Amino acid sequence: MIKKSILSLWITLSAIQIHAQPEADAWTKYMLPAEIHTMLAAYVGNFDLEITMWMTEGEKPLVIQLQSAQQMILGGRFLELSQHGEIMEMPYESRTTIGFNNAAQKFDLTSVTNTGTGMLALSGGWDPVARVAELYGQLADPGTGQPIYVRQQIRFTDENSLLIENFDRETGGTERKTIAYRLTRAD
């Protein structure tokens, strides 16, 4: 907990020092963690993860319980979620990285799992009042090769809980909610 507090303090002081200086150049502002990175650092720790997956519309969703170990990486610039457990009696692990791009003023997310060979990359805006990031991207449908358009909302509810919801739209189809990730602090 002390390490987390020191990291948060360092990120906050760096952000205040650099972003408060009008003469600070754009590359310096881009390079260093800002206040929003301090918010991300609040999610360091161990979290219980409940994944709800709606495989087919109208059917009962599949609910899975996993663990998520979360840490700030690369000098306090990105929040990494390392998830592990079992899904349908098979080992499961994933890595998700969430960051805020100071230059673009957008959130970026990447995610990889051992359940596929593709990488999900999303990017989108931030509503600081609602504390919600809305990200967009696409991935290839393994069955057809056609794009699946993904809209993801990340709700930074409080320092002990996080809700990530995926809404997918297949080519020519309508958007539907496919996955919800509920993270609740375990430590």
Protein backbone atom coordinates (compact mmCIF):
# COMPACT_ATOMS: atom_id res chain seq x y z
CA MET A 1 0.00 0.00 0.00
CA ILE A 2 2.92 2.34 0.70
CA LYS A 3 4.34 1.66 -2.77
CA LYS A 4 0.94 2.55 -4.29
CA SER A 5 0.78 5.78 -2.27
CA ILE A 6 4.32 6.79 -3.26
CA LEU A 7 3.56 6.12 -6.95
CA SER A 8 0.34 8.15 -6.75
CA LEU A 9 2.15 11.02 -5.03
CA TRP A 10 4.97 10.99 -7.62
CA ILE A 11 2.48 10.99 -10.51
CA THR A 12 0.47 13.83 -8.93
CA LEU A 13 3.52 16.00 -8.21
CA SER A 14 4.93 15.40 -11.72
CA ALA A 15 1.60 16.28 -13.28
CA ILE A 16 1.21 19.46 -11.26
CA GLN A 17 4.79 20.56 -11.89
CA ILE A 18 4.82 19.93 -15.65
CA HIS A 19 1.23 20.77 -16.58
CA ALA A 20 1.16 23.95 -14.51
CA GLN A 21 4.16 25.41 -16.34
CA PRO A 22 2.93 27.37 -19.35
CA GLU A 23 6.37 27.14 -20.94
CA ALA A 24 6.40 23.32 -20.79
CA ASP A 25 6.62 22.06 -24.32
CA ALA A 26 4.04 19.71 -25.85
CA TRP A 27 6.41 16.72 -25.90
CA THR A 28 7.05 17.05 -22.16
CA LYS A 29 3.30 17.18 -21.44
CA TYR A 30 2.79 14.15 -23.69
CA MET A 31 5.61 12.24 -22.06
CA LEU A 32 4.75 12.57 -18.38
CA PRO A 33 1.83 11.16 -16.38
CA ALA A 34 -0.93 13.67 -15.72
CA GLU A 35 -3.71 13.94 -13.14
CA ILE A 36 -5.82 11.32 -14.94
CA HIS A 37 -2.99 8.82 -14.53
CA THR A 38 -3.30 9.37 -10.77
CA MET A 39 -6.94 8.31 -11.10
CA LEU A 40 -5.84 5.13 -12.92
CA ALA A 41 -3.32 4.43 -10.12
CA ALA A 42 -6.22 4.24 -7.66
CA TYR A 43 -7.14 0.90 -9.29
CA VAL A 44 -3.88 -0.83 -8.35
CA GLY A 45 -4.43 -3.98 -6.33
CA ASN A 46 -6.28 -7.28 -6.44
CA PHE A 47 -9.83 -7.35 -7.73
CA ASP A 48 -12.52 -10.02 -7.98
CA LEU A 49 -13.76 -10.13 -11.55
CA GLU A 50 -17.22 -11.26 -12.59
CA ILE A 51 -17.64 -11.66 -16.34
CA THR A 52 -21.17 -11.91 -17.73
CA MET A 53 -21.30 -13.04 -21.38
CA TRP A 54 -24.40 -13.00 -23.55
CA MET A 55 -23.49 -15.61 -26.17
CA THR A 56 -26.83 -15.66 -27.99
CA GLU A 57 -29.53 -13.05 -27.77
CA GLY A 58 -32.43 -14.16 -25.60
CA GLU A 59 -30.52 -16.92 -23.81
CA LYS A 60 -29.35 -16.93 -20.22
CA PRO A 61 -25.87 -15.34 -19.92
CA LEU A 62 -22.77 -17.23 -18.87
CA VAL A 63 -21.33 -15.86 -15.59
CA ILE A 64 -17.68 -16.49 -14.73
CA GLN A 65 -15.67 -15.60 -11.61
CA LEU A 66 -11.98 -14.72 -12.07
CA GLN A 67 -9.22 -12.74 -10.38
CA SER A 68 -7.56 -9.56 -11.65
CA ALA A 69 -4.18 -8.32 -10.40
CA GLN A 70 -3.75 -4.68 -11.40
CA GLN A 71 -0.63 -2.53 -11.46
CA MET A 72 0.65 0.67 -12.98
CA ILE A 73 3.39 0.01 -15.53
CA LEU A 74 5.93 2.02 -17.53
CA GLY A 75 6.47 4.71 -14.93
CA GLY A 76 2.84 5.23 -13.96
CA ARG A 77 1.56 5.73 -17.51
CA PHE A 78 -0.64 2.65 -17.97
CA LEU A 79 -2.89 0.47 -15.82
CA GLU A 80 -2.36 -3.22 -16.55
CA LEU A 81 -5.05 -5.75 -15.64
CA SER A 82 -3.73 -9.33 -15.47
CA GLN A 83 -6.65 -11.72 -15.27
CA HIS A 84 -6.62 -15.44 -14.61
CA GLY A 85 -8.91 -18.31 -13.73
CA GLU A 86 -10.98 -20.88 -15.59
CA ILE A 87 -13.65 -20.47 -18.24
CA MET A 88 -15.69 -23.59 -19.04
CA GLU A 89 -13.10 -25.75 -17.23
CA MET A 90 -10.25 -24.39 -19.35
CA PRO A 91 -7.38 -22.19 -18.08
CA TYR A 92 -7.92 -18.54 -18.93
CA GLU A 93 -5.60 -15.56 -18.78
CA SER A 94 -5.62 -12.11 -20.31
CA ARG A 95 -3.74 -8.83 -20.23
CA THR A 96 -5.51 -5.53 -20.67
CA THR A 97 -3.71 -2.21 -20.71
CA ILE A 98 -5.60 1.06 -20.17
CA GLY A 99 -3.94 4.41 -20.74
CA PHE A 100 -4.74 8.05 -21.34
CA ASN A 101 -3.02 9.77 -24.24
CA ASN A 102 -2.23 13.33 -23.10
CA ALA A 103 -1.73 14.59 -26.68
CA ALA A 104 -4.95 13.15 -28.15
CA GLN A 105 -6.89 13.60 -24.88
CA LYS A 106 -8.31 10.09 -25.34
CA PHE A 107 -8.28 6.76 -23.58
CA ASP A 108 -6.58 3.82 -25.29
CA LEU A 109 -7.00 0.14 -24.43
CA THR A 110 -5.35 -3.03 -25.67
CA SER A 111 -6.35 -6.55 -24.72
CA VAL A 112 -4.99 -10.02 -25.46
CA THR A 113 -6.09 -13.41 -24.15
CA ASN A 114 -5.11 -17.04 -24.44
CA THR A 115 -8.50 -17.71 -26.10
CA GLY A 116 -7.44 -16.25 -29.44
CA THR A 117 -4.56 -14.94 -31.51
CA GLY A 118 -5.94 -11.45 -32.15
CA MET A 119 -5.45 -8.23 -30.26
CA LEU A 120 -8.26 -5.82 -29.41
CA ALA A 121 -7.31 -2.14 -29.65
CA LEU A 122 -9.83 0.54 -28.72
CA SER A 123 -9.67 4.31 -28.42
CA GLY A 124 -12.14 6.98 -27.40
CA GLY A 125 -13.25 9.94 -25.39
CA TRP A 126 -13.53 10.70 -21.70
CA ASP A 127 -16.39 12.24 -19.74
CA PRO A 128 -14.77 13.48 -16.50
CA VAL A 129 -18.11 14.34 -14.85
CA ALA A 130 -19.64 10.88 -15.39
CA ARG A 131 -16.17 9.22 -15.03
CA VAL A 132 -16.84 7.17 -18.16
CA ALA A 133 -14.55 6.42 -21.09
CA GLU A 134 -16.30 5.39 -24.31
CA LEU A 135 -13.99 3.50 -26.65
CA TYR A 136 -14.37 2.21 -30.21
CA GLY A 137 -12.57 -0.31 -32.39
CA GLN A 138 -13.03 -3.53 -34.24
CA LEU A 139 -11.92 -7.13 -34.38
CA ALA A 140 -12.25 -9.90 -36.96
CA ASP A 141 -15.07 -12.43 -36.59
CA PRO A 142 -13.24 -15.81 -36.49
CA GLY A 143 -16.11 -17.49 -38.35
CA THR A 144 -16.51 -15.07 -41.24
CA GLY A 145 -13.42 -12.87 -41.23
CA GLN A 146 -15.77 -9.86 -41.31
CA PRO A 147 -15.31 -7.00 -38.85
CA ILE A 148 -17.12 -6.88 -35.54
CA TYR A 149 -17.45 -3.25 -34.45
CA VAL A 150 -16.89 -2.83 -30.73
CA ARG A 151 -18.07 -0.03 -28.45
CA GLN A 152 -16.82 -0.28 -24.89
CA GLN A 153 -17.77 1.81 -21.87
CA ILE A 154 -15.44 1.89 -18.87
CA ARG A 155 -17.13 3.27 -15.75
CA PHE A 156 -14.67 4.27 -13.04
CA THR A 157 -17.36 3.97 -10.38
CA ASP A 158 -15.14 4.48 -7.34
CA GLU A 159 -11.68 3.32 -6.24
CA ASN A 160 -13.07 -0.09 -5.30
CA SER A 161 -15.13 -0.91 -8.37
CA LEU A 162 -14.94 -0.68 -12.12
CA LEU A 163 -17.51 -1.68 -14.74
CA ILE A 164 -16.52 -2.41 -18.34
CA GLU A 165 -19.30 -3.15 -20.84
CA ASN A 166 -18.89 -4.31 -24.44
CA PHE A 167 -21.43 -3.69 -27.17
CA ASP A 168 -20.76 -5.43 -30.48
CA ARG A 169 -22.20 -4.98 -33.95
CA GLU A 170 -21.52 -7.50 -36.67
CA THR A 171 -21.36 -6.33 -40.28
CA GLY A 172 -24.93 -5.52 -41.34
CA GLY A 173 -26.31 -6.19 -37.86
CA THR A 174 -27.49 -4.15 -34.91
CA GLU A 175 -25.50 -3.41 -31.78
CA ARG A 176 -26.04 -5.67 -28.78
CA LYS A 177 -24.49 -5.96 -25.33
CA THR A 178 -22.16 -8.97 -25.31
CA ILE A 179 -19.97 -8.78 -22.19
CA ALA A 180 -19.90 -7.03 -18.81
CA TYR A 181 -16.82 -7.08 -16.58
CA ARG A 182 -17.47 -6.15 -12.93
CA LEU A 183 -14.30 -5.59 -10.95
CA THR A 184 -14.54 -5.26 -7.17
CA ARG A 185 -11.52 -4.68 -4.92
CA ALA A 186 -10.52 -7.86 -3.11
CA ASP A 187 -7.68 -6.49 -0.93
